Amino acid sequence: MSYHYQSSTAVKSQNDESKSVSTHKFLIHQKGDHVGVATTPIVEGEKVIGVFMDDNSEIEVVSRGDIPLGHKISLVELNEGEPVLKYGVQVGITTCNWVVGDYVHTHNIKTARW
């Protein structure tokens, strides 16, 4: 498996003034999850902060697409055919390669049940 967190996206640079970072815009249920859930609409190119619900730590991600409220954002790189974790369990399989910040929905994830 090739998924991994990109540490460069998780740390806010003091010198990066290109775009302001908003307050928490997505939640991650627990460490190790591959996706976060938008708590407000996210705009493509927006630098957003997510909070891990299990320990209140934060991660910063740049969105690669518009993400509606309640939809998912990728926190890791995954290759096509790899399992997707949410709540610490597999919730689907990727249908294409993912990068950090991708909008995750029916166009790039499928159920693992059939």
Protein backbone atom coordinates (compact mmCIF):
# COMPACT_ATOMS: atom_id res chain seq x y z
CA MET A 1 0.00 0.00 0.00
CA SER A 2 1.26 3.46 -0.80
CA TYR A 3 -0.82 5.83 1.31
CA HIS A 4 0.90 8.32 3.56
CA TYR A 5 0.30 11.68 5.14
CA GLN A 6 2.23 14.51 3.57
CA SER A 7 3.85 16.28 6.45
CA SER A 8 4.41 19.38 4.34
CA THR A 9 0.65 19.97 4.19
CA ALA A 10 0.18 19.44 7.89
CA VAL A 11 2.43 22.26 9.05
CA LYS A 12 1.61 25.92 8.55
CA SER A 13 4.55 27.96 7.33
CA GLN A 14 5.11 31.29 9.08
CA ASN A 15 6.28 32.83 5.78
CA ASP A 16 3.35 31.72 3.62
CA GLU A 17 1.07 34.73 3.24
CA SER A 18 -0.42 33.69 -0.13
CA LYS A 19 -3.87 32.81 1.26
CA SER A 20 -5.30 33.09 4.70
CA VAL A 21 -6.10 29.90 6.54
CA SER A 22 -9.64 29.54 7.77
CA THR A 23 -10.73 28.09 11.08
CA HIS A 24 -11.68 24.41 11.23
CA LYS A 25 -13.49 23.52 8.03
CA PHE A 26 -13.42 19.73 8.29
CA LEU A 27 -13.38 16.98 10.91
CA ILE A 28 -11.41 13.74 10.99
CA HIS A 29 -12.90 11.06 13.19
CA GLN A 30 -9.59 9.55 14.27
CA LYS A 31 -5.89 9.34 13.50
CA GLY A 32 -5.23 7.06 10.55
CA ASP A 33 -8.40 8.01 8.67
CA HIS A 34 -7.83 8.80 5.00
CA VAL A 35 -10.60 11.41 4.69
CA GLY A 36 -12.06 14.34 6.57
CA VAL A 37 -15.67 15.56 6.41
CA ALA A 38 -16.38 19.19 5.44
CA THR A 39 -18.27 21.12 8.13
CA THR A 40 -18.76 24.05 5.76
CA PRO A 41 -18.33 24.39 1.97
CA ILE A 42 -14.66 24.42 0.88
CA VAL A 43 -13.47 26.28 -2.23
CA GLU A 44 -10.84 24.93 -4.63
CA GLY A 45 -7.39 26.28 -3.73
CA GLU A 46 -8.45 27.18 -0.20
CA LYS A 47 -6.06 26.34 2.64
CA VAL A 48 -8.21 24.67 5.27
CA ILE A 49 -7.64 23.30 8.75
CA GLY A 50 -9.14 20.05 9.97
CA VAL A 51 -9.30 18.78 13.52
CA PHE A 52 -8.91 15.18 14.66
CA MET A 53 -11.83 14.39 16.95
CA ASP A 54 -9.90 11.82 18.99
CA ASP A 55 -7.13 14.16 20.20
CA ASN A 56 -8.00 17.69 18.93
CA SER A 57 -4.79 17.92 16.87
CA GLU A 58 -4.97 19.78 13.55
CA ILE A 59 -3.94 19.23 9.96
CA GLU A 60 -3.75 21.82 7.17
CA VAL A 61 -4.66 20.90 3.60
CA VAL A 62 -5.05 22.82 0.34
CA SER A 63 -8.27 21.82 -1.41
CA ARG A 64 -7.91 20.61 -5.00
CA GLY A 65 -11.62 21.08 -5.73
CA ASP A 66 -14.84 22.60 -4.43
CA ILE A 67 -16.14 20.40 -1.60
CA PRO A 68 -19.76 20.74 -0.42
CA LEU A 69 -20.81 20.61 3.21
CA GLY A 70 -20.80 17.01 4.47
CA HIS A 71 -18.61 15.70 1.67
CA LYS A 72 -15.08 14.33 2.04
CA ILE A 73 -11.55 15.66 1.47
CA SER A 74 -8.55 13.37 1.00
CA LEU A 75 -5.84 13.53 3.66
CA VAL A 76 -3.49 11.01 2.04
CA GLU A 77 -2.20 9.85 -1.31
CA LEU A 78 -3.74 6.56 -2.41
CA ASN A 79 -3.40 4.49 -5.56
CA GLU A 80 -6.34 3.10 -7.50
CA GLY A 81 -7.80 0.00 -5.85
CA GLU A 82 -6.62 0.76 -2.32
CA PRO A 83 -8.87 0.67 0.77
CA VAL A 84 -10.20 3.94 2.20
CA LEU A 85 -10.38 4.31 5.98
CA LYS A 86 -12.88 6.40 7.96
CA TYR A 87 -13.81 5.82 11.61
CA GLY A 88 -10.73 3.57 11.62
CA VAL A 89 -12.43 1.02 9.34
CA GLN A 90 -12.52 0.45 5.61
CA VAL A 91 -15.44 2.35 4.04
CA GLY A 92 -14.56 1.95 0.37
CA ILE A 93 -12.00 1.44 -2.38
CA THR A 94 -10.42 4.12 -4.57
CA THR A 95 -11.36 4.04 -8.26
CA CYS A 96 -8.39 6.22 -9.28
CA ASN A 97 -5.25 7.69 -7.75
CA TRP A 98 -5.77 10.31 -5.02
CA VAL A 99 -3.60 13.15 -3.82
CA VAL A 100 -3.92 15.18 -0.63
CA GLY A 101 -6.76 17.72 -0.92
CA ASP A 102 -8.83 15.85 -3.52
CA TYR A 103 -12.61 16.01 -3.36
CA VAL A 104 -13.73 12.48 -2.45
CA HIS A 105 -17.11 11.35 -3.73
CA THR A 106 -18.73 8.77 -6.02
CA HIS A 107 -16.42 9.68 -8.92
CA ASN A 108 -13.31 8.35 -7.11
CA ILE A 109 -14.50 5.91 -4.42
CA LYS A 110 -16.72 2.83 -4.48
CA THR A 111 -18.13 0.51 -1.86
CA ALA A 112 -16.04 -2.48 -0.85
CA ARG A 113 -19.18 -4.62 -0.52
CA TRP A 114 -19.66 -5.42 -4.23
